[in-house]
PDB file of N, CA and C in Angstrom:
ATOM      1  N   MET A   1      99.028 119.607  51.939  1.00  0.00           N
ATOM      2  CA  MET A   1      98.195 118.471  52.604  1.00  0.00           C
ATOM      3  C   MET A   1      98.990 117.185  52.761  1.00  0.00           C
ATOM      4  N   CYS A   2      99.337 116.703  51.693  1.00  0.00           N
ATOM      5  CA  CYS A   2     100.067 115.440  51.774  1.00  0.00           C
ATOM      6  C   CYS A   2     101.663 115.531  52.076  1.00  0.00           C
ATOM      7  N   PRO A   3     102.164 114.900  53.015  1.00  0.00           N
ATOM      8  CA  PRO A   3     103.560 115.114  53.265  1.00  0.00           C
ATOM      9  C   PRO A   3     104.407 114.177  52.510  1.00  0.00           C
ATOM     10  N   HIS A   4     103.864 113.418  51.736  1.00  0.00           N
ATOM     11  CA  HIS A   4     104.734 112.327  50.875  1.00  0.00           C
ATOM     12  C   HIS A   4     105.322 112.946  49.655  1.00  0.00           C
ATOM     13  N   GLU A   5     106.373 112.584  49.225  1.00  0.00           N
ATOM     14  CA  GLU A   5     107.179 112.986  48.082  1.00  0.00           C
ATOM     15  C   GLU A   5     107.390 111.779  47.080  1.00  0.00           C
ATOM     16  N   PRO A   6     106.820 111.706  46.060  1.00  0.00           N
ATOM     17  CA  PRO A   6     105.943 112.594  45.318  1.00  0.00           C
ATOM     18  C   PRO A   6     104.482 112.569  46.109  1.00  0.00           C
ATOM     19  N   SER A   7     103.724 113.597  46.107  1.00  0.00           N
ATOM     20  CA  SER A   7     102.442 113.778  46.708  1.00  0.00           C
ATOM     21  C   SER A   7     101.441 112.653  46.146  1.00  0.00           C
ATOM     22  N   CYS A   8     100.624 112.242  47.252  1.00  0.00           N
ATOM     23  CA  CYS A   8      99.723 111.125  46.889  1.00  0.00           C
ATOM     24  C   CYS A   8      98.545 111.705  46.003  1.00  0.00           C
ATOM     25  N   PRO A   9      97.849 110.983  45.175  1.00  0.00           N
ATOM     26  CA  PRO A   9      96.776 111.463  44.414  1.00  0.00           C
ATOM     27  C   PRO A   9      95.604 112.036  45.306  1.00  0.00           C
ATOM     28  N   SER A  10      95.068 113.094  44.735  1.00  0.00           N
ATOM     29  CA  SER A  10      93.860 113.782  45.467  1.00  0.00           C
ATOM     30  C   SER A  10      92.688 112.619  45.484  1.00  0.00           C
ATOM     31  N   ALA A  11      91.715 113.003  46.378  1.00  0.00           N
ATOM     32  CA  ALA A  11      90.481 112.265  46.415  1.00  0.00           C
ATOM     33  C   ALA A  11      89.624 112.342  45.332  1.00  0.00           C
ATOM     34  N   ASP A  12      89.959 113.356  44.284  1.00  0.00           N
ATOM     35  CA  ASP A  12      89.246 113.518  43.155  1.00  0.00           C
ATOM     36  C   ASP A  12      89.817 112.669  41.937  1.00  0.00           C
ATOM     37  N   ALA A  13      91.131 112.315  42.053  1.00  0.00           N
ATOM     38  CA  ALA A  13      91.762 111.645  40.999  1.00  0.00           C
ATOM     39  C   ALA A  13      91.335 110.341  40.631  1.00  0.00           C
ATOM     40  N   LEU A  14      91.532 110.015  39.513  1.00  0.00           N
ATOM     41  CA  LEU A  14      91.019 108.457  39.144  1.00  0.00           C
ATOM     42  C   LEU A  14      91.832 107.558  39.772  1.00  0.00           C
ATOM     43  N   ASP A  15      93.075 107.851  40.102  1.00  0.00           N
ATOM     44  CA  ASP A  15      94.051 106.834  40.800  1.00  0.00           C
ATOM     45  C   ASP A  15      94.252 107.165  42.283  1.00  0.00           C
ATOM     46  N   ARG A  16      93.119 107.584  42.877  1.00  0.00           N
ATOM     47  CA  ARG A  16      92.898 107.977  44.298  1.00  0.00           C
ATOM     48  C   ARG A  16      93.469 106.680  45.312  1.00  0.00           C
ATOM     49  N   GLU A  17      93.198 105.493  44.804  1.00  0.00           N
ATOM     50  CA  GLU A  17      93.651 104.447  45.590  1.00  0.00           C
ATOM     51  C   GLU A  17      95.001 104.186  45.739  1.00  0.00           C
ATOM     52  N   ALA A  18      95.699 104.882  44.941  1.00  0.00           N
ATOM     53  CA  ALA A  18      97.207 104.780  45.092  1.00  0.00           C
ATOM     54  C   ALA A  18      97.848 105.626  46.204  1.00  0.00           C
ATOM     55  N   ALA A  19      97.088 106.413  46.740  1.00  0.00           N
ATOM     56  CA  ALA A  19      97.441 107.138  48.020  1.00  0.00           C
ATOM     57  C   ALA A  19      98.033 106.171  49.125  1.00  0.00           C
ATOM     58  N   ARG A  20      98.937 106.501  49.984  1.00  0.00           N
ATOM     59  CA  ARG A  20      99.506 105.807  50.990  1.00  0.00           C
ATOM     60  C   ARG A  20      98.562 105.609  52.209  1.00  0.00           C
ATOM     61  N   THR A  21      98.575 104.496  52.701  1.00  0.00           N
ATOM     62  CA  THR A  21      97.630 104.119  53.891  1.00  0.00           C
ATOM     63  C   THR A  21      98.161 104.768  55.172  1.00  0.00           C
ATOM     64  N   MET A  22      97.339 105.557  55.752  1.00  0.00           N
ATOM     65  CA  MET A  22      97.604 106.201  57.047  1.00  0.00           C
ATOM     66  C   MET A  22      97.157 105.109  58.244  1.00  0.00           C
ATOM     67  N   ALA A  23      96.008 104.752  58.115  1.00  0.00           N
ATOM     68  CA  ALA A  23      95.498 103.771  59.225  1.00  0.00           C
ATOM     69  C   ALA A  23      94.839 102.703  58.604  1.00  0.00           C
ATOM     70  N   ALA A  24      95.251 101.433  59.055  1.00  0.00           N
ATOM     71  CA  ALA A  24      94.706 100.040  58.609  1.00  0.00           C
ATOM     72  C   ALA A  24      93.947  99.383  59.671  1.00  0.00           C
ATOM     73  N   HIS A  25      92.658  98.896  59.454  1.00  0.00           N
ATOM     74  CA  HIS A  25      91.952  98.152  60.350  1.00  0.00           C
ATOM     75  C   HIS A  25      91.433  96.917  59.651  1.00  0.00           C
ATOM     76  N   PRO A  26      92.346  96.022  59.205  1.00  0.00           N
ATOM     77  CA  PRO A  26      91.871  94.849  58.362  1.00  0.00           C
ATOM     78  C   PRO A  26      91.006  93.971  59.179  1.00  0.00           C
ATOM     79  N   GLU A  27      90.849  93.928  60.500  1.00  0.00           N
ATOM     80  CA  GLU A  27      89.884  93.158  61.199  1.00  0.00           C
ATOM     81  C   GLU A  27      88.576  93.813  60.963  1.00  0.00           C
ATOM     82  N   GLN A  28      88.416  95.088  60.553  1.00  0.00           N
ATOM     83  CA  GLN A  28      87.045  95.721  60.320  1.00  0.00           C
ATOM     84  C   GLN A  28      86.876  95.925  58.854  1.00  0.00           C
ATOM     85  N   GLY A  29      87.828  95.543  58.104  1.00  0.00           N
ATOM     86  CA  GLY A  29      87.815  95.615  56.616  1.00  0.00           C
ATOM     87  C   GLY A  29      87.962  97.099  55.810  1.00  0.00           C
ATOM     88  N   TRP A  30      88.638  97.915  56.577  1.00  0.00           N
ATOM     89  CA  TRP A  30      88.845  99.289  55.965  1.00  0.00           C
ATOM     90  C   TRP A  30      90.193  99.825  56.263  1.00  0.00           C
ATOM     91  N   SER A  31      90.559 100.752  55.386  1.00  0.00           N
ATOM     92  CA  SER A  31      91.862 101.501  55.477  1.00  0.00           C
ATOM     93  C   SER A  31      91.634 103.001  55.336  1.00  0.00           C
ATOM     94  N   LEU A  32      92.301 103.919  55.960  1.00  0.00           N
ATOM     95  CA  LEU A  32      92.191 105.361  55.631  1.00  0.00           C
ATOM     96  C   LEU A  32      93.482 105.647  54.968  1.00  0.00           C
ATOM     97  N   LEU A  33      93.228 106.405  53.756  1.00  0.00           N
ATOM     98  CA  LEU A  33      94.333 106.823  52.917  1.00  0.00           C
ATOM     99  C   LEU A  33      94.665 108.238  53.109  1.00  0.00           C
ATOM    100  N   CYS A  34      95.963 108.467  52.698  1.00  0.00           N
ATOM    101  CA  CYS A  34      96.507 109.882  52.970  1.00  0.00           C
ATOM    102  C   CYS A  34      95.522 110.904  52.502  1.00  0.00           C
ATOM    103  N   ASN A  35      94.990 110.776  51.530  1.00  0.00           N
ATOM    104  CA  ASN A  35      93.949 111.816  50.723  1.00  0.00           C
ATOM    105  C   ASN A  35      92.563 111.863  51.422  1.00  0.00           C
ATOM    106  N   GLY A  36      92.403 111.248  52.645  1.00  0.00           N
ATOM    107  CA  GLY A  36      91.090 111.245  53.129  1.00  0.00           C
ATOM    108  C   GLY A  36      90.010 110.249  52.775  1.00  0.00           C
ATOM    109  N   VAL A  37      90.439 109.283  51.833  1.00  0.00           N
ATOM    110  CA  VAL A  37      89.526 108.242  51.306  1.00  0.00           C
ATOM    111  C   VAL A  37      89.536 107.098  52.288  1.00  0.00           C
ATOM    112  N   VAL A  38      88.327 106.639  52.632  1.00  0.00           N
ATOM    113  CA  VAL A  38      88.200 105.360  53.251  1.00  0.00           C
ATOM    114  C   VAL A  38      88.074 104.207  52.379  1.00  0.00           C
ATOM    115  N   LEU A  39      88.921 103.354  52.349  1.00  0.00           N
ATOM    116  CA  LEU A  39      88.906 102.267  51.357  1.00  0.00           C
ATOM    117  C   LEU A  39      88.500 100.960  52.056  1.00  0.00           C
ATOM    118  N   PHE A  40      87.379 100.397  51.567  1.00  0.00           N
ATOM    119  CA  PHE A  40      86.981  99.081  52.056  1.00  0.00           C
ATOM    120  C   PHE A  40      87.451  97.874  51.366  1.00  0.00           C
ATOM    121  N   GLU A  41      87.628  96.703  52.175  1.00  0.00           N
ATOM    122  CA  GLU A  41      88.168  95.604  51.389  1.00  0.00           C
ATOM    123  C   GLU A  41      87.347  95.168  50.292  1.00  0.00           C
ATOM    124  N   ASP A  42      86.166  95.432  50.029  1.00  0.00           N
ATOM    125  CA  ASP A  42      85.359  94.876  48.938  1.00  0.00           C
ATOM    126  C   ASP A  42      85.576  95.938  47.952  1.00  0.00           C
ATOM    127  N   THR A  43      86.426  96.733  47.846  1.00  0.00           N
ATOM    128  CA  THR A  43      86.797  97.912  46.911  1.00  0.00           C
ATOM    129  C   THR A  43      85.923  99.113  46.855  1.00  0.00           C
ATOM    130  N   GLY A  44      84.836  99.133  47.740  1.00  0.00           N
ATOM    131  CA  GLY A  44      84.154 100.344  47.767  1.00  0.00           C
ATOM    132  C   GLY A  44      84.856 101.317  48.499  1.00  0.00           C
ATOM    133  N   GLU A  45      84.384 102.528  48.253  1.00  0.00           N
ATOM    134  CA  GLU A  45      85.134 103.814  48.862  1.00  0.00           C
ATOM    135  C   GLU A  45      84.130 104.806  49.432  1.00  0.00           C
ATOM    136  N   LEU A  46      84.686 105.467  50.407  1.00  0.00           N
ATOM    137  CA  LEU A  46      83.931 106.659  51.060  1.00  0.00           C
ATOM    138  C   LEU A  46      84.916 107.834  50.911  1.00  0.00           C
ATOM    139  N   LEU A  47      84.370 108.842  50.034  1.00  0.00           N
ATOM    140  CA  LEU A  47      85.191 109.996  49.701  1.00  0.00           C
ATOM    141  C   LEU A  47      85.238 110.966  50.985  1.00  0.00           C
ATOM    142  N   PRO A  48      86.086 112.002  51.105  1.00  0.00           N
ATOM    143  CA  PRO A  48      85.966 112.915  52.133  1.00  0.00           C
ATOM    144  C   PRO A  48      84.772 113.844  52.127  1.00  0.00           C
ATOM    145  N   ASP A  49      84.179 113.938  50.769  1.00  0.00           N
ATOM    146  CA  ASP A  49      82.870 114.755  50.897  1.00  0.00           C
ATOM    147  C   ASP A  49      81.739 114.126  51.056  1.00  0.00           C
ATOM    148  N   GLY A  50      81.830 112.708  51.439  1.00  0.00           N
ATOM    149  CA  GLY A  50      80.672 111.922  51.802  1.00  0.00           C
ATOM    150  C   GLY A  50      80.146 111.180  50.704  1.00  0.00           C
ATOM    151  N   ALA A  51      80.614 111.252  49.400  1.00  0.00           N
ATOM    152  CA  ALA A  51      80.399 110.438  48.114  1.00  0.00           C
ATOM    153  C   ALA A  51      80.731 109.129  48.415  1.00  0.00           C
ATOM    154  N   VAL A  52      79.856 108.051  47.803  1.00  0.00           N
ATOM    155  CA  VAL A  52      80.114 106.769  47.888  1.00  0.00           C
ATOM    156  C   VAL A  52      80.439 106.231  46.698  1.00  0.00           C
ATOM    157  N   ILE A  53      81.604 105.471  46.517  1.00  0.00           N
ATOM    158  CA  ILE A  53      82.064 104.686  45.361  1.00  0.00           C
ATOM    159  C   ILE A  53      81.735 103.304  45.518  1.00  0.00           C
ATOM    160  N   GLU A  54      80.778 102.659  44.724  1.00  0.00           N
ATOM    161  CA  GLU A  54      80.481 101.353  44.762  1.00  0.00           C
ATOM    162  C   GLU A  54      81.622 100.362  44.545  1.00  0.00           C
ATOM    163  N   PRO A  55      81.597  99.230  45.043  1.00  0.00           N
ATOM    164  CA  PRO A  55      82.691  98.219  44.932  1.00  0.00           C
ATOM    165  C   PRO A  55      82.802  98.022  43.490  1.00  0.00           C
ATOM    166  N   HIS A  56      83.948  97.838  43.061  1.00  0.00           N
ATOM    167  CA  HIS A  56      84.329  97.649  41.664  1.00  0.00           C
ATOM    168  C   HIS A  56      85.278  96.546  41.398  1.00  0.00           C
ATOM    169  N   ARG A  57      85.343  95.610  42.277  1.00  0.00           N
ATOM    170  CA  ARG A  57      86.201  94.418  42.289  1.00  0.00           C
ATOM    171  C   ARG A  57      85.351  93.471  41.299  1.00  0.00           C
ATOM    172  N   PRO A  58      86.137  92.687  40.380  1.00  0.00           N
ATOM    173  CA  PRO A  58      85.379  91.749  39.339  1.00  0.00           C
ATOM    174  C   PRO A  58      84.671  90.605  40.259  1.00  0.00           C
ATOM    175  N   LEU A  59      83.562  90.355  39.938  1.00  0.00           N
ATOM    176  CA  LEU A  59      82.820  89.264  40.642  1.00  0.00           C
ATOM    177  C   LEU A  59      83.447  87.848  40.056  1.00  0.00           C
ATOM    178  N   ALA A  60      83.577  86.957  41.049  1.00  0.00           N
ATOM    179  CA  ALA A  60      84.233  85.643  40.612  1.00  0.00           C
ATOM    180  C   ALA A  60      83.014  84.784  40.249  1.00  0.00           C
ATOM    181  N   GLY A  61      83.196  84.089  39.264  1.00  0.00           N
ATOM    182  CA  GLY A  61      82.264  83.064  38.844  1.00  0.00           C
ATOM    183  C   GLY A  61      81.057  83.710  38.216  1.00  0.00           C
ATOM    184  N   VAL A  62      81.005  84.793  37.664  1.00  0.00           N
ATOM    185  CA  VAL A  62      79.990  85.359  36.899  1.00  0.00           C
ATOM    186  C   VAL A  62      80.231  85.012  35.413  1.00  0.00           C
ATOM    187  N   ALA A  63      79.376  84.241  34.719  1.00  0.00           N
ATOM    188  CA  ALA A  63      79.347  83.829  33.424  1.00  0.00           C
ATOM    189  C   ALA A  63      78.625  84.678  32.523  1.00  0.00           C
TER     190      ALA A  63
END
């Protein structure tokens, strides 16, 4: 599936965000990774199976 060497992590892997970017649309706030994950600039994710990963970026200014 992945043509890269070494292969990108699968969409099920904990390090799935380390996959290479195949398409980037920063003006819309998202990128498509090699493993089929859509990564949003707020760190939320949409997995190939339709599962949603909530944003996990630390919140600034939360005390």
